[in-house]
N, C-alpha and C. Protein backbone atom coordinates (compact mmCIF):
# COMPACT_ATOMS: atom_id res chain seq x y z
N MET A 1 -54.09 124.35 195.36
CA MET A 1 -53.61 123.83 194.07
C MET A 1 -52.60 122.83 194.20
N PHE A 2 -52.54 121.81 193.43
CA PHE A 2 -51.64 120.69 193.45
C PHE A 2 -50.48 120.87 192.46
N HIS A 3 -49.31 120.90 192.93
CA HIS A 3 -48.18 120.97 192.07
C HIS A 3 -47.31 119.79 192.24
N SER A 4 -46.94 119.18 191.08
CA SER A 4 -46.16 118.09 191.18
C SER A 4 -44.85 118.22 190.38
N PHE A 5 -43.81 117.59 190.82
CA PHE A 5 -42.60 117.68 190.22
C PHE A 5 -42.12 116.34 189.64
N LEU A 6 -42.73 116.09 188.47
CA LEU A 6 -42.48 114.62 187.92
C LEU A 6 -41.86 114.92 186.58
N ARG A 7 -40.97 113.97 186.26
CA ARG A 7 -40.38 113.94 184.97
C ARG A 7 -41.29 113.19 183.92
N PRO A 8 -41.08 113.45 182.67
CA PRO A 8 -41.86 112.72 181.70
C PRO A 8 -41.94 111.19 181.91
N GLY A 9 -43.14 110.59 181.88
CA GLY A 9 -43.33 109.23 182.17
C GLY A 9 -43.58 108.83 183.57
N GLN A 10 -43.49 109.72 184.49
CA GLN A 10 -43.75 109.46 185.92
C GLN A 10 -45.28 109.78 186.34
N GLY A 11 -46.05 110.31 185.48
CA GLY A 11 -47.45 110.72 185.85
C GLY A 11 -48.42 109.59 185.75
N PHE A 12 -49.69 109.86 185.67
CA PHE A 12 -50.62 108.91 185.60
C PHE A 12 -50.49 108.17 184.18
N GLN A 13 -50.55 106.87 184.25
CA GLN A 13 -50.43 106.03 183.06
C GLN A 13 -51.65 104.98 183.04
N CYS A 14 -51.96 104.53 181.85
CA CYS A 14 -53.11 103.57 181.68
C CYS A 14 -52.53 102.09 181.69
N PHE A 15 -52.93 101.32 182.66
CA PHE A 15 -52.64 99.86 182.79
C PHE A 15 -53.78 98.95 182.37
N GLU A 16 -53.48 97.94 181.58
CA GLU A 16 -54.49 97.03 181.26
C GLU A 16 -54.53 95.94 182.33
N ILE A 17 -55.82 95.44 182.63
CA ILE A 17 -55.92 94.53 183.77
C ILE A 17 -56.20 93.20 183.07
N TYR A 18 -55.52 92.16 183.42
CA TYR A 18 -55.82 90.69 182.98
C TYR A 18 -55.97 89.89 184.05
N SER A 19 -57.03 89.16 184.02
CA SER A 19 -57.50 88.22 185.22
C SER A 19 -57.22 86.80 184.65
N ALA A 20 -56.72 85.89 185.61
CA ALA A 20 -56.43 84.57 185.24
C ALA A 20 -57.74 83.78 185.15
N ASP A 21 -57.75 82.87 184.17
CA ASP A 21 -58.87 82.02 183.93
C ASP A 21 -58.38 80.67 183.92
N THR A 22 -58.68 79.77 184.92
CA THR A 22 -58.23 78.50 185.02
C THR A 22 -59.38 77.49 184.70
N SER A 23 -59.10 76.25 184.28
CA SER A 23 -60.08 75.18 184.17
C SER A 23 -59.50 74.00 184.88
N VAL A 24 -60.38 73.08 185.14
CA VAL A 24 -59.92 71.81 185.80
C VAL A 24 -60.31 70.58 184.95
N THR A 25 -59.36 69.67 184.85
CA THR A 25 -59.58 68.46 184.12
C THR A 25 -60.54 67.49 184.91
N GLU A 26 -60.91 66.36 184.21
CA GLU A 26 -61.75 65.46 184.93
C GLU A 26 -61.24 64.86 186.21
N ASN A 27 -59.87 64.84 186.23
CA ASN A 27 -59.23 64.39 187.50
C ASN A 27 -59.01 65.27 188.64
N GLY A 28 -59.44 66.61 188.34
CA GLY A 28 -59.32 67.65 189.29
C GLY A 28 -58.05 68.44 189.29
N ARG A 29 -57.28 68.19 188.25
CA ARG A 29 -55.95 68.99 188.09
C ARG A 29 -56.27 70.28 187.20
N PRO A 30 -55.60 71.32 187.66
CA PRO A 30 -55.73 72.58 186.95
C PRO A 30 -55.04 72.55 185.56
N THR A 31 -55.66 73.02 184.62
CA THR A 31 -54.97 73.11 183.25
C THR A 31 -54.31 74.44 183.09
N GLN A 32 -53.81 74.62 181.88
CA GLN A 32 -53.08 75.94 181.57
C GLN A 32 -53.84 77.03 181.78
N ILE A 33 -53.21 78.02 182.43
CA ILE A 33 -53.97 79.32 182.73
C ILE A 33 -54.03 80.19 181.49
N SER A 34 -55.19 80.76 181.24
CA SER A 34 -55.31 81.77 180.16
C SER A 34 -55.72 83.11 180.88
N TYR A 35 -55.29 84.14 180.29
CA TYR A 35 -55.59 85.49 180.83
C TYR A 35 -56.57 86.31 179.93
N ASN A 36 -57.57 86.85 180.62
CA ASN A 36 -58.62 87.64 179.84
C ASN A 36 -58.43 89.05 180.19
N SER A 37 -58.57 89.93 179.20
CA SER A 37 -58.57 91.40 179.51
C SER A 37 -59.80 91.75 180.19
N LYS A 38 -59.64 92.36 181.34
CA LYS A 38 -60.80 92.65 182.11
C LYS A 38 -61.22 94.12 181.95
N SER A 39 -60.26 95.04 182.08
CA SER A 39 -60.59 96.48 182.12
C SER A 39 -59.23 97.23 182.15
N HIS A 40 -59.33 98.37 182.59
CA HIS A 40 -58.04 99.15 182.69
C HIS A 40 -58.12 100.10 183.91
N LEU A 41 -56.96 100.50 184.40
CA LEU A 41 -56.91 101.52 185.51
C LEU A 41 -55.82 102.55 185.28
N ILE A 42 -56.17 103.69 185.78
CA ILE A 42 -55.22 104.89 185.66
C ILE A 42 -54.43 104.92 186.94
N GLY A 43 -53.06 104.90 186.93
CA GLY A 43 -52.39 104.90 188.08
C GLY A 43 -50.94 105.44 187.91
N ILE A 44 -50.12 105.53 189.01
CA ILE A 44 -48.84 106.02 189.04
C ILE A 44 -47.92 104.83 189.41
N LEU A 45 -46.99 104.57 188.66
CA LEU A 45 -45.95 103.44 188.87
C LEU A 45 -44.81 103.95 189.68
N SER A 46 -44.43 103.38 190.74
CA SER A 46 -43.30 103.71 191.51
C SER A 46 -42.58 102.48 191.96
N GLN A 47 -41.29 102.54 192.17
CA GLN A 47 -40.51 101.50 192.79
C GLN A 47 -40.70 101.36 194.24
N ALA A 48 -40.72 100.09 194.72
CA ALA A 48 -40.91 99.85 196.17
C ALA A 48 -39.50 100.28 196.92
N THR A 49 -39.66 100.76 198.07
CA THR A 49 -38.44 101.07 198.75
C THR A 49 -37.84 99.84 199.30
N PRO A 50 -36.48 99.94 199.52
CA PRO A 50 -35.85 98.68 200.10
C PRO A 50 -36.44 98.14 201.37
N GLU A 51 -36.98 99.00 202.23
CA GLU A 51 -37.68 98.47 203.42
C GLU A 51 -38.93 97.76 203.09
N GLU A 52 -39.78 98.25 202.09
CA GLU A 52 -40.95 97.50 201.66
C GLU A 52 -40.59 96.18 201.08
N LYS A 53 -39.54 96.25 200.23
CA LYS A 53 -39.07 94.99 199.58
C LYS A 53 -38.70 93.91 200.63
N GLN A 54 -38.01 94.35 201.74
CA GLN A 54 -37.64 93.40 202.76
C GLN A 54 -38.78 92.94 203.54
N GLN A 55 -39.83 93.81 203.78
CA GLN A 55 -40.96 93.51 204.57
C GLN A 55 -41.85 92.45 203.73
N TRP A 56 -42.01 92.65 202.57
CA TRP A 56 -42.84 91.83 201.73
C TRP A 56 -42.17 90.45 201.45
N SER A 57 -40.81 90.45 201.26
CA SER A 57 -40.15 89.17 201.03
C SER A 57 -40.23 88.27 202.20
N THR A 58 -40.31 88.81 203.50
CA THR A 58 -40.45 87.91 204.54
C THR A 58 -41.71 87.11 204.65
N THR A 59 -42.75 87.62 203.91
CA THR A 59 -44.09 87.01 203.78
C THR A 59 -44.20 86.16 202.59
N GLU A 60 -43.12 85.95 201.94
CA GLU A 60 -43.03 85.16 200.75
C GLU A 60 -43.82 85.69 199.52
N HIS A 61 -44.05 87.04 199.64
CA HIS A 61 -44.59 87.71 198.43
C HIS A 61 -43.71 88.87 198.02
N PRO A 62 -42.67 88.58 197.28
CA PRO A 62 -41.72 89.56 196.98
C PRO A 62 -42.40 90.63 195.97
N ILE A 63 -42.14 91.88 196.25
CA ILE A 63 -42.55 93.04 195.45
C ILE A 63 -41.46 93.76 194.74
N THR A 64 -41.74 94.48 193.77
CA THR A 64 -40.63 95.35 193.22
C THR A 64 -41.24 96.79 192.90
N HIS A 65 -42.50 96.80 192.82
CA HIS A 65 -43.23 98.14 192.39
C HIS A 65 -44.46 98.32 193.20
N LYS A 66 -44.79 99.53 193.26
CA LYS A 66 -46.20 99.87 193.69
C LYS A 66 -46.88 100.67 192.64
N ILE A 67 -48.22 100.51 192.54
CA ILE A 67 -49.05 101.29 191.61
C ILE A 67 -50.17 101.93 192.50
N VAL A 68 -50.12 103.20 192.39
CA VAL A 68 -51.06 103.95 193.14
C VAL A 68 -52.21 104.57 192.26
N GLN A 69 -53.39 104.21 192.69
CA GLN A 69 -54.60 104.68 191.74
C GLN A 69 -55.40 105.63 192.74
N ARG A 70 -55.95 106.59 192.12
CA ARG A 70 -56.74 107.67 192.85
C ARG A 70 -58.03 107.04 193.16
N GLY A 71 -58.59 107.19 194.38
CA GLY A 71 -59.85 106.73 194.77
C GLY A 71 -59.76 105.28 195.33
N ASN A 72 -60.87 104.83 195.83
CA ASN A 72 -60.92 103.45 196.42
C ASN A 72 -61.77 102.56 195.53
N CYS A 73 -61.30 102.23 194.22
CA CYS A 73 -62.11 101.60 193.33
C CYS A 73 -61.83 100.07 193.30
N ARG A 74 -60.66 99.66 193.52
CA ARG A 74 -60.26 98.23 193.60
C ARG A 74 -60.75 97.41 192.30
N ILE A 75 -60.37 97.89 191.21
CA ILE A 75 -60.75 97.22 189.90
C ILE A 75 -59.99 95.97 189.85
N ALA A 76 -58.67 95.87 190.15
CA ALA A 76 -57.85 94.74 190.08
C ALA A 76 -57.73 94.14 191.44
N HIS A 77 -57.44 92.85 191.42
CA HIS A 77 -57.34 92.11 192.67
C HIS A 77 -56.01 91.22 192.68
N GLU A 78 -55.91 90.55 193.78
CA GLU A 78 -54.67 89.72 194.03
C GLU A 78 -54.72 88.60 192.78
N GLN A 79 -53.53 88.34 192.27
CA GLN A 79 -53.22 87.39 191.24
C GLN A 79 -53.61 87.99 189.86
N ASP A 80 -54.06 89.20 189.75
CA ASP A 80 -54.41 89.76 188.35
C ASP A 80 -52.99 90.30 187.89
N ILE A 81 -52.90 90.58 186.56
CA ILE A 81 -51.72 91.08 185.99
C ILE A 81 -51.97 92.50 185.41
N LEU A 82 -51.18 93.42 185.69
CA LEU A 82 -51.27 94.83 185.01
C LEU A 82 -50.22 94.88 183.94
N LYS A 83 -50.70 95.37 182.77
CA LYS A 83 -49.80 95.47 181.60
C LYS A 83 -49.63 96.98 181.35
N LEU A 84 -48.32 97.45 181.20
CA LEU A 84 -47.95 98.73 180.80
C LEU A 84 -47.00 98.64 179.71
N GLY A 85 -47.56 98.84 178.49
CA GLY A 85 -46.59 98.76 177.36
C GLY A 85 -46.28 97.26 177.15
N SER A 86 -44.83 97.04 177.23
CA SER A 86 -44.38 95.71 177.19
C SER A 86 -43.93 95.22 178.62
N ARG A 87 -44.41 95.86 179.65
CA ARG A 87 -44.01 95.44 181.01
C ARG A 87 -45.25 94.88 181.62
N TYR A 88 -44.98 93.85 182.55
CA TYR A 88 -46.14 93.05 183.19
C TYR A 88 -45.85 93.11 184.72
N PHE A 89 -46.91 93.48 185.42
CA PHE A 89 -46.81 93.48 186.96
C PHE A 89 -47.91 92.49 187.55
N TYR A 90 -47.32 91.58 188.29
CA TYR A 90 -48.22 90.68 188.99
C TYR A 90 -48.59 91.13 190.41
N ILE A 91 -49.95 91.22 190.61
CA ILE A 91 -50.35 91.78 191.92
C ILE A 91 -50.30 90.64 192.98
N GLN A 92 -49.40 90.90 193.97
CA GLN A 92 -49.10 89.85 195.04
C GLN A 92 -50.15 89.77 196.13
N ARG A 93 -50.79 90.83 196.59
CA ARG A 93 -51.73 90.95 197.70
C ARG A 93 -52.84 91.69 197.25
N GLU A 94 -53.95 91.61 198.01
CA GLU A 94 -55.10 92.48 197.82
C GLU A 94 -54.70 93.98 198.03
N PRO A 95 -55.28 94.91 197.28
CA PRO A 95 -54.91 96.18 197.26
C PRO A 95 -55.24 96.78 198.61
N ARG A 96 -54.52 97.85 198.96
CA ARG A 96 -54.67 98.62 200.22
C ARG A 96 -55.27 99.91 200.13
N ASN A 97 -56.00 100.35 201.15
CA ASN A 97 -56.62 101.65 201.28
C ASN A 97 -55.92 102.39 202.40
N PRO A 98 -54.87 103.07 202.11
CA PRO A 98 -54.07 103.69 203.22
C PRO A 98 -54.95 104.63 204.16
N GLY A 99 -54.91 104.15 205.44
CA GLY A 99 -55.59 105.05 206.46
C GLY A 99 -57.08 104.99 206.38
N ASP A 100 -57.64 104.07 205.56
CA ASP A 100 -59.17 103.87 205.38
C ASP A 100 -59.77 105.28 204.98
N LEU A 101 -59.14 106.13 204.31
CA LEU A 101 -59.56 107.47 203.92
C LEU A 101 -60.25 107.49 202.44
N ASN A 102 -60.10 106.35 201.74
CA ASN A 102 -60.68 106.21 200.36
C ASN A 102 -60.15 107.25 199.43
N HIS A 103 -58.91 107.76 199.59
CA HIS A 103 -58.23 108.73 198.71
C HIS A 103 -57.44 108.00 197.61
N PHE A 104 -56.81 106.79 198.07
CA PHE A 104 -56.03 106.11 197.15
C PHE A 104 -56.07 104.64 197.29
N THR A 105 -55.76 103.87 196.28
CA THR A 105 -55.66 102.39 196.38
C THR A 105 -54.31 102.06 195.90
N VAL A 106 -53.50 101.24 196.71
CA VAL A 106 -52.18 100.96 196.49
C VAL A 106 -52.13 99.48 196.10
N TYR A 107 -51.58 99.09 194.94
CA TYR A 107 -51.27 97.71 194.46
C TYR A 107 -49.92 97.38 194.64
N PHE A 108 -49.55 96.29 195.40
CA PHE A 108 -48.22 95.84 195.52
C PHE A 108 -47.87 94.83 194.51
N CYS A 109 -46.92 95.14 193.56
CA CYS A 109 -46.66 94.12 192.52
C CYS A 109 -45.33 93.79 192.42
N GLU A 110 -45.15 92.61 191.66
CA GLU A 110 -43.87 92.16 191.25
C GLU A 110 -43.78 92.12 189.74
N GLU A 111 -42.68 92.84 189.25
CA GLU A 111 -42.57 92.99 187.75
C GLU A 111 -42.13 91.55 187.24
N ARG A 112 -42.72 91.20 186.33
CA ARG A 112 -42.41 89.79 185.78
C ARG A 112 -42.06 89.94 184.26
N LYS A 113 -40.98 89.34 183.93
CA LYS A 113 -40.49 89.34 182.57
C LYS A 113 -40.95 88.15 181.83
N GLY A 114 -41.13 88.29 180.57
CA GLY A 114 -41.48 87.08 179.75
C GLY A 114 -42.90 86.60 179.79
N LEU A 115 -43.73 87.31 180.48
CA LEU A 115 -45.18 86.97 180.47
C LEU A 115 -45.88 87.29 179.20
N ASN A 116 -46.72 86.47 178.66
CA ASN A 116 -47.49 86.71 177.41
C ASN A 116 -48.92 86.43 177.72
N VAL A 117 -49.70 87.47 178.06
CA VAL A 117 -51.07 87.31 178.50
C VAL A 117 -51.93 87.26 177.16
N GLU A 118 -51.45 87.76 176.08
CA GLU A 118 -52.25 87.77 174.82
C GLU A 118 -51.91 86.50 174.00
N ARG A 119 -52.43 85.36 174.33
CA ARG A 119 -52.17 84.10 173.65
C ARG A 119 -53.29 83.88 172.64
């Protein structure tokens, strides 16, 4: 039996997934990015440890949080945005499958303020 010691708000939560939609002008320049709601995922939000923050900042992909999803579904991908209430999390790298056991999928994200994906 699985027992967890979580405070309210620390359990599984529903995140909306938004993927970027870009277009290119006649000159080949990208235009303004719009975001489309793709799906949702159920996961647990946790802060990244100081060691993880340091490790990821050296690769120029700073992270602030991890989102852990049960199973190996990989619904969201790199550069997608996960929305939880009024908070936005930008996925920095492709999701990981720890130990290749297909038990969990880990998304490494950076929390971004001021994003408005519902334009």
